[in-house]
Amino acid sequence: MAMQIDPDVCTACGDCEVECPTVSITVKKGVFSINPKTCDECADEGEPRCVTVCPVDCISRAA
């Protein structure tokens, strides 16, 4: 599994991008996305860092 960003809620603040230890979060044309091939949900930590730092709670586990 990987995390996903809801583009309708995301404010493009960039907090998640700088926090991601696997460099899985990128921005293209102002829209942030998470690469499911490299995102490991911060497996060695209690909760994904991107979720912890997101001020608008727009990041969740992909279905």
C-alpha atoms as a PDB file:
ATOM      1  CA  MET A   1       0.000   0.000   0.000  1.00  0.00           C
ATOM      2  CA  ALA A   2       0.914   3.625  -0.281  1.00  0.00           C
ATOM      3  CA  MET A   3      -0.431   6.969   0.742  1.00  0.00           C
ATOM      4  CA  GLN A   4      -2.458   9.251  -1.524  1.00  0.00           C
ATOM      5  CA  ILE A   5      -3.175  12.968  -1.572  1.00  0.00           C
ATOM      6  CA  ASP A   6      -6.673  14.312  -2.195  1.00  0.00           C
ATOM      7  CA  PRO A   7      -6.023  17.119  -4.710  1.00  0.00           C
ATOM      8  CA  ASP A   8      -9.381  18.740  -3.947  1.00  0.00           C
ATOM      9  CA  VAL A   9      -8.378  19.298  -0.319  1.00  0.00           C
ATOM     10  CA  CYS A  10      -4.603  19.830  -0.686  1.00  0.00           C
ATOM     11  CA  THR A  11      -3.477  23.455  -0.350  1.00  0.00           C
ATOM     12  CA  ALA A  12      -0.078  22.740  -1.982  1.00  0.00           C
ATOM     13  CA  CYS A  13       1.805  23.967   1.086  1.00  0.00           C
ATOM     14  CA  GLY A  14       4.670  21.532   0.424  1.00  0.00           C
ATOM     15  CA  ASP A  15       5.095  20.379   4.023  1.00  0.00           C
ATOM     16  CA  CYS A  16       4.679  16.721   3.060  1.00  0.00           C
ATOM     17  CA  GLU A  17       7.215  16.870   0.233  1.00  0.00           C
ATOM     18  CA  VAL A  18      10.093  18.006   2.431  1.00  0.00           C
ATOM     19  CA  GLU A  19       9.159  15.538   5.185  1.00  0.00           C
ATOM     20  CA  CYS A  20       9.068  12.387   2.994  1.00  0.00           C
ATOM     21  CA  PRO A  21      12.122  10.184   3.726  1.00  0.00           C
ATOM     22  CA  THR A  22      11.716   8.184   0.497  1.00  0.00           C
ATOM     23  CA  VAL A  23      11.326  11.267  -1.730  1.00  0.00           C
ATOM     24  CA  SER A  24       8.030   9.809  -2.972  1.00  0.00           C
ATOM     25  CA  ILE A  25       6.108  13.083  -3.019  1.00  0.00           C
ATOM     26  CA  THR A  26       6.422  15.325  -6.044  1.00  0.00           C
ATOM     27  CA  VAL A  27       4.608  18.336  -7.433  1.00  0.00           C
ATOM     28  CA  LYS A  28       3.649  18.883 -11.048  1.00  0.00           C
ATOM     29  CA  LYS A  29       1.732  21.967 -12.173  1.00  0.00           C
ATOM     30  CA  GLY A  30       0.942  22.780  -8.556  1.00  0.00           C
ATOM     31  CA  VAL A  31      -0.546  19.355  -7.784  1.00  0.00           C
ATOM     32  CA  PHE A  32       1.193  17.081  -5.275  1.00  0.00           C
ATOM     33  CA  SER A  33       1.185  13.309  -5.700  1.00  0.00           C
ATOM     34  CA  ILE A  34       2.750  10.282  -4.022  1.00  0.00           C
ATOM     35  CA  ASN A  35       4.572   7.590  -5.995  1.00  0.00           C
ATOM     36  CA  PRO A  36       3.078   4.264  -4.838  1.00  0.00           C
ATOM     37  CA  LYS A  37       6.154   2.372  -6.033  1.00  0.00           C
ATOM     38  CA  THR A  38       8.472   4.119  -3.588  1.00  0.00           C
ATOM     39  CA  CYS A  39       6.160   5.094  -0.709  1.00  0.00           C
ATOM     40  CA  ASP A  40       6.570   2.656   2.180  1.00  0.00           C
ATOM     41  CA  GLU A  41       4.211   4.552   4.529  1.00  0.00           C
ATOM     42  CA  CYS A  42       7.226   5.292   6.756  1.00  0.00           C
ATOM     43  CA  ALA A  43       7.243   1.621   7.722  1.00  0.00           C
ATOM     44  CA  ASP A  44       9.790   2.118  10.514  1.00  0.00           C
ATOM     45  CA  GLU A  45       7.667   4.777  12.220  1.00  0.00           C
ATOM     46  CA  GLY A  46       4.300   4.817  13.953  1.00  0.00           C
ATOM     47  CA  GLU A  47       2.535   6.928  11.341  1.00  0.00           C
ATOM     48  CA  PRO A  48       3.544   8.264   7.912  1.00  0.00           C
ATOM     49  CA  ARG A  49       5.366  11.578   8.271  1.00  0.00           C
ATOM     50  CA  CYS A  50       3.311  13.192   5.515  1.00  0.00           C
ATOM     51  CA  VAL A  51       0.099  12.524   7.450  1.00  0.00           C
ATOM     52  CA  THR A  52       1.616  13.972  10.609  1.00  0.00           C
ATOM     53  CA  VAL A  53       2.647  17.272   8.998  1.00  0.00           C
ATOM     54  CA  CYS A  54      -0.334  17.857   6.691  1.00  0.00           C
ATOM     55  CA  PRO A  55      -2.246  20.898   8.000  1.00  0.00           C
ATOM     56  CA  VAL A  56      -5.470  20.042   6.117  1.00  0.00           C
ATOM     57  CA  ASP A  57      -5.599  16.257   6.611  1.00  0.00           C
ATOM     58  CA  CYS A  58      -5.696  15.458   2.878  1.00  0.00           C
ATOM     59  CA  ILE A  59      -3.408  12.394   2.941  1.00  0.00           C
ATOM     60  CA  SER A  60      -4.737   8.877   3.459  1.00  0.00           C
ATOM     61  CA  ARG A  61      -3.918   5.271   2.646  1.00  0.00           C
ATOM     62  CA  ALA A  62      -4.647   4.372  -0.960  1.00  0.00           C
ATOM     63  CA  ALA A  63      -7.474   1.923  -1.521  1.00  0.00           C
END
